[in-house]
Amino acid sequence: MLSPVYDAKAKTVKEVKLPHNCESILRDADSPVDRSSVDKLYDQLSTGVFLNQKRKKYWVEKKFYSNCFMLFAKDLSITWGGDTRYWKWPSLCETGGDVSVDVAELLDVCWLEIYGKFNTKMLSPGILYEVVFVVKLKDRAYGWGVPVNVSLVLPNGYKHEHKEKLQTKPREQWIEVPVCEFITSPENVGEIQIGMNEYDAGEWKRGLVIKGISIRRKT
């Protein structure tokens, strides 16, 4: 896709090739993108652009020019997420910037259910992507002896699901819980669903902080 961008060095407007579906993605940007020079545009895309009132973050991976996304907790469906008895929503400063985003901190539930949806048409075609939950376990977290189920359903109907044991993960630091890898092929253009749940054991859980879901090129 070509987009008009002012080239400060040449003092002229020229057509610049943008990443896949970039113009469509940037329509949801929370603030205007600086197009005063090619360098400034590329720098902003590589640093990241917040979308939909900080519900998502979009950035372009420099080496391979691939679209990547972070779906923050506010963009996810969390069972009882709006009930202050079970979840609270503190803010934190997003890495590499001065923008605060809301995270979801689990106070106490026995029914854990978190889902996110995303349309793969916003991803770069023909790329191997990895999907991970970005979470933190508080120092006094409990109830994680039973593994959680993580899953990914692709537009073609294929479902990948496996279990992850959080009990053994480090505390008080952001960790990544792998979900699945997939290739953006023509048969997989459409909506994917990403999930994390555990409700069969009936065990009460506390102290899990959900930052969001990262969808990025597998390096």
Protein backbone atom coordinates (compact mmCIF):
# COMPACT_ATOMS: atom_id res chain seq x y z
CA MET A 1 0.00 0.00 0.00
CA LEU A 2 1.32 3.43 -0.95
CA SER A 3 0.75 6.52 1.19
CA PRO A 4 1.75 10.16 0.63
CA VAL A 5 4.46 11.19 3.11
CA TYR A 6 6.48 14.40 3.22
CA ASP A 7 10.20 13.79 2.74
CA ALA A 8 11.97 16.57 4.69
CA LYS A 9 15.32 15.94 3.03
CA ALA A 10 13.98 16.16 -0.49
CA LYS A 11 11.37 18.78 0.51
CA THR A 12 8.72 16.97 -1.45
CA VAL A 13 5.80 14.60 -0.96
CA LYS A 14 6.43 11.06 -2.15
CA GLU A 15 4.56 7.79 -2.15
CA VAL A 16 5.82 5.42 0.56
CA LYS A 17 5.00 1.72 0.77
CA LEU A 18 3.31 0.98 4.08
CA PRO A 19 2.86 -2.37 5.83
CA HIS A 20 -0.12 -4.58 5.00
CA ASN A 21 -3.46 -2.84 5.73
CA CYS A 22 -1.63 -0.08 7.61
CA GLU A 23 -3.92 2.76 6.55
CA SER A 24 -6.99 0.83 7.65
CA ILE A 25 -5.39 0.02 11.01
CA LEU A 26 -4.34 3.62 11.64
CA ARG A 27 -7.93 4.84 11.28
CA ASP A 28 -8.41 3.56 14.83
CA ALA A 29 -5.29 5.33 16.19
CA ASP A 30 -5.85 7.24 19.43
CA SER A 31 -3.72 10.16 18.21
CA PRO A 32 -2.59 11.35 14.75
CA VAL A 33 0.43 9.65 13.22
CA ASP A 34 3.29 11.99 12.35
CA ARG A 35 3.74 11.94 8.57
CA SER A 36 6.03 14.95 8.40
CA SER A 37 8.88 12.70 7.27
CA VAL A 38 9.45 9.09 6.27
CA ASP A 39 11.79 8.55 9.22
CA LYS A 40 9.28 9.87 11.75
CA LEU A 41 6.53 7.69 10.31
CA TYR A 42 8.66 4.55 10.43
CA ASP A 43 9.92 5.37 13.93
CA GLN A 44 6.36 5.77 15.21
CA LEU A 45 5.24 2.52 13.60
CA SER A 46 8.15 0.59 15.08
CA THR A 47 7.63 2.11 18.55
CA GLY A 48 3.90 1.41 18.47
CA VAL A 49 0.57 3.14 18.02
CA PHE A 50 -2.32 2.83 20.50
CA LEU A 51 -5.72 2.00 19.03
CA ASN A 52 -9.36 2.08 20.13
CA GLN A 53 -8.81 4.12 23.33
CA LYS A 54 -5.80 2.06 24.43
CA ARG A 55 -7.52 -1.27 23.97
CA LYS A 56 -4.89 -2.36 21.44
CA LYS A 57 -1.34 -1.49 20.45
CA TYR A 58 -0.04 -1.86 16.90
CA TRP A 59 3.59 -1.90 15.88
CA VAL A 60 5.67 -2.95 12.88
CA GLU A 61 8.52 -5.37 13.42
CA LYS A 62 11.46 -3.68 11.72
CA LYS A 63 13.50 -6.59 10.38
CA PHE A 64 10.73 -8.23 8.36
CA TYR A 65 8.26 -5.33 8.20
CA SER A 66 5.50 -7.39 9.83
CA ASN A 67 2.40 -6.16 11.65
CA CYS A 68 2.22 -7.05 15.34
CA PHE A 69 -0.46 -6.39 17.96
CA MET A 70 -1.08 -6.34 21.68
CA LEU A 71 -4.68 -6.82 22.82
CA PHE A 72 -4.82 -5.24 26.25
CA ALA A 73 -7.04 -6.58 29.03
CA LYS A 74 -9.79 -4.03 28.26
CA ASP A 75 -10.11 -5.57 24.80
CA LEU A 76 -10.74 -9.05 26.24
CA SER A 77 -13.88 -10.72 27.52
CA ILE A 78 -13.34 -11.65 31.18
CA THR A 79 -16.10 -13.46 33.04
CA TRP A 80 -17.16 -11.25 35.98
CA GLY A 81 -14.51 -8.75 34.93
CA GLY A 82 -16.84 -5.87 35.74
CA ASP A 83 -17.61 -7.10 39.26
CA THR A 84 -15.32 -5.42 41.82
CA ARG A 85 -15.70 -8.38 44.17
CA TYR A 86 -13.72 -10.54 41.77
CA TRP A 87 -11.53 -8.28 39.65
CA LYS A 88 -9.96 -4.85 39.89
CA TRP A 89 -8.46 -2.69 37.15
CA PRO A 90 -5.26 -0.87 38.13
CA SER A 91 -3.27 1.14 35.56
CA LEU A 92 0.37 0.74 34.63
CA CYS A 93 2.80 2.55 32.39
CA GLU A 94 3.26 0.67 29.16
CA THR A 95 6.84 -0.44 28.47
CA GLY A 96 8.85 2.04 26.43
CA GLY A 97 6.47 4.95 26.82
CA ASP A 98 4.53 7.21 29.13
CA VAL A 99 1.06 5.89 28.28
CA SER A 100 -0.91 4.14 31.02
CA VAL A 101 -3.06 1.11 30.23
CA ASP A 102 -5.51 -0.80 32.41
CA VAL A 103 -4.71 -4.33 33.52
CA ALA A 104 -7.07 -6.87 35.10
CA GLU A 105 -6.08 -8.18 38.55
CA LEU A 106 -7.87 -11.24 39.86
CA LEU A 107 -9.12 -10.88 43.44
CA ASP A 108 -10.91 -14.22 43.85
CA VAL A 109 -12.78 -16.54 41.47
CA CYS A 110 -13.27 -20.25 41.01
CA TRP A 111 -14.43 -19.81 37.39
CA LEU A 112 -11.60 -18.38 35.28
CA GLU A 113 -12.60 -17.54 31.72
CA ILE A 114 -10.82 -15.06 29.45
CA TYR A 115 -11.27 -14.70 25.70
CA GLY A 116 -10.02 -12.41 22.98
CA LYS A 117 -10.99 -12.06 19.32
CA PHE A 118 -8.90 -10.70 16.47
CA ASN A 119 -9.23 -10.47 12.69
CA THR A 120 -6.21 -11.86 10.85
CA LYS A 121 -6.75 -9.51 7.89
CA MET A 122 -4.77 -6.97 9.95
CA LEU A 123 -1.74 -9.30 10.06
CA SER A 124 0.93 -9.55 7.39
CA PRO A 125 0.23 -12.41 4.93
CA GLY A 126 2.37 -15.54 4.72
CA ILE A 127 3.98 -14.98 8.14
CA LEU A 128 4.45 -17.40 11.03
CA TYR A 129 2.89 -15.74 14.09
CA GLU A 130 3.03 -16.68 17.75
CA VAL A 131 0.29 -15.89 20.26
CA VAL A 132 1.02 -15.49 23.98
CA PHE A 133 -0.82 -14.29 27.07
CA VAL A 134 1.18 -11.68 28.99
CA VAL A 135 0.45 -12.12 32.70
CA LYS A 136 1.92 -11.69 36.16
CA LEU A 137 1.46 -13.75 39.33
CA LYS A 138 1.43 -11.70 42.51
CA ASP A 139 3.62 -12.86 45.38
CA ARG A 140 0.61 -14.09 47.38
CA ALA A 141 -1.22 -15.67 44.45
CA TYR A 142 -2.93 -18.97 45.22
CA GLY A 143 -5.11 -21.60 43.58
CA TRP A 144 -2.89 -22.32 40.60
CA GLY A 145 -2.03 -25.93 41.33
CA VAL A 146 -4.48 -27.00 38.60
CA PRO A 147 -3.21 -26.14 35.09
CA VAL A 148 -5.13 -23.61 32.98
CA ASN A 149 -6.35 -24.39 29.48
CA VAL A 150 -5.14 -22.11 26.70
CA SER A 151 -6.57 -22.31 23.20
CA LEU A 152 -6.63 -20.80 19.73
CA VAL A 153 -9.39 -21.31 17.15
CA LEU A 154 -8.47 -20.35 13.58
CA PRO A 155 -10.89 -19.08 10.90
CA ASN A 156 -10.72 -22.47 9.13
CA GLY A 157 -12.08 -24.14 12.29
CA TYR A 158 -8.83 -25.68 13.48
CA LYS A 159 -8.51 -25.58 17.27
CA HIS A 160 -5.29 -25.92 19.22
CA GLU A 161 -5.56 -26.42 22.98
CA HIS A 162 -3.13 -27.36 25.71
CA LYS A 163 -2.57 -26.92 29.45
CA GLU A 164 -0.11 -24.61 31.19
CA LYS A 165 0.79 -24.90 34.87
CA LEU A 166 1.13 -21.43 36.36
CA GLN A 167 2.00 -22.63 39.86
CA THR A 168 5.68 -23.06 38.93
CA LYS A 169 6.04 -19.72 37.12
CA PRO A 170 8.08 -16.83 38.59
CA ARG A 171 6.22 -14.33 40.79
CA GLU A 172 6.04 -10.53 40.59
CA GLN A 173 7.24 -10.28 36.99
CA TRP A 174 5.60 -10.29 33.59
CA ILE A 175 5.71 -13.70 31.97
CA GLU A 176 4.46 -15.09 28.68
CA VAL A 177 2.11 -18.05 28.51
CA PRO A 178 2.37 -19.57 25.01
CA VAL A 179 -0.88 -20.34 23.22
CA CYS A 180 -0.10 -21.38 19.66
CA GLU A 181 1.68 -20.57 16.41
CA PHE A 182 -0.01 -20.21 13.03
CA ILE A 183 0.69 -19.02 9.50
CA THR A 184 -1.39 -16.26 7.93
CA SER A 185 -2.54 -18.15 4.85
CA PRO A 186 -5.54 -17.45 2.55
CA GLU A 187 -7.68 -20.09 4.30
CA ASN A 188 -7.02 -18.42 7.64
CA VAL A 189 -8.25 -14.91 6.86
CA GLY A 190 -10.92 -13.99 9.37
CA GLU A 191 -11.55 -13.99 13.09
CA ILE A 192 -9.47 -16.00 15.53
CA GLN A 193 -10.46 -16.67 19.14
CA ILE A 194 -7.86 -16.92 21.89
CA GLY A 195 -8.75 -18.24 25.34
CA MET A 196 -7.56 -19.08 28.83
CA ASN A 197 -9.83 -20.88 31.28
CA GLU A 198 -10.02 -23.14 34.30
CA TYR A 199 -13.33 -23.94 35.98
CA ASP A 200 -13.54 -27.72 36.24
CA ALA A 201 -11.56 -28.12 39.48
CA GLY A 202 -13.67 -25.63 41.47
CA GLU A 203 -10.54 -24.24 43.12
CA TRP A 204 -10.57 -20.58 44.17
CA LYS A 205 -7.82 -18.51 42.58
CA ARG A 206 -6.24 -15.17 43.31
CA GLY A 207 -3.35 -12.95 42.25
CA LEU A 208 -3.24 -13.31 38.47
CA VAL A 209 -2.74 -10.03 36.60
CA ILE A 210 -3.72 -9.96 32.92
CA LYS A 211 -1.92 -7.44 30.74
CA GLY A 212 -3.20 -8.87 27.48
CA ILE A 213 -2.48 -11.05 24.46
CA SER A 214 0.48 -10.49 22.14
CA ILE A 215 0.23 -11.52 18.47
CA ARG A 216 3.64 -11.13 16.85
CA ARG A 217 5.94 -12.55 14.21
CA LYS A 218 7.72 -15.70 15.35
CA THR A 219 11.46 -15.00 15.24
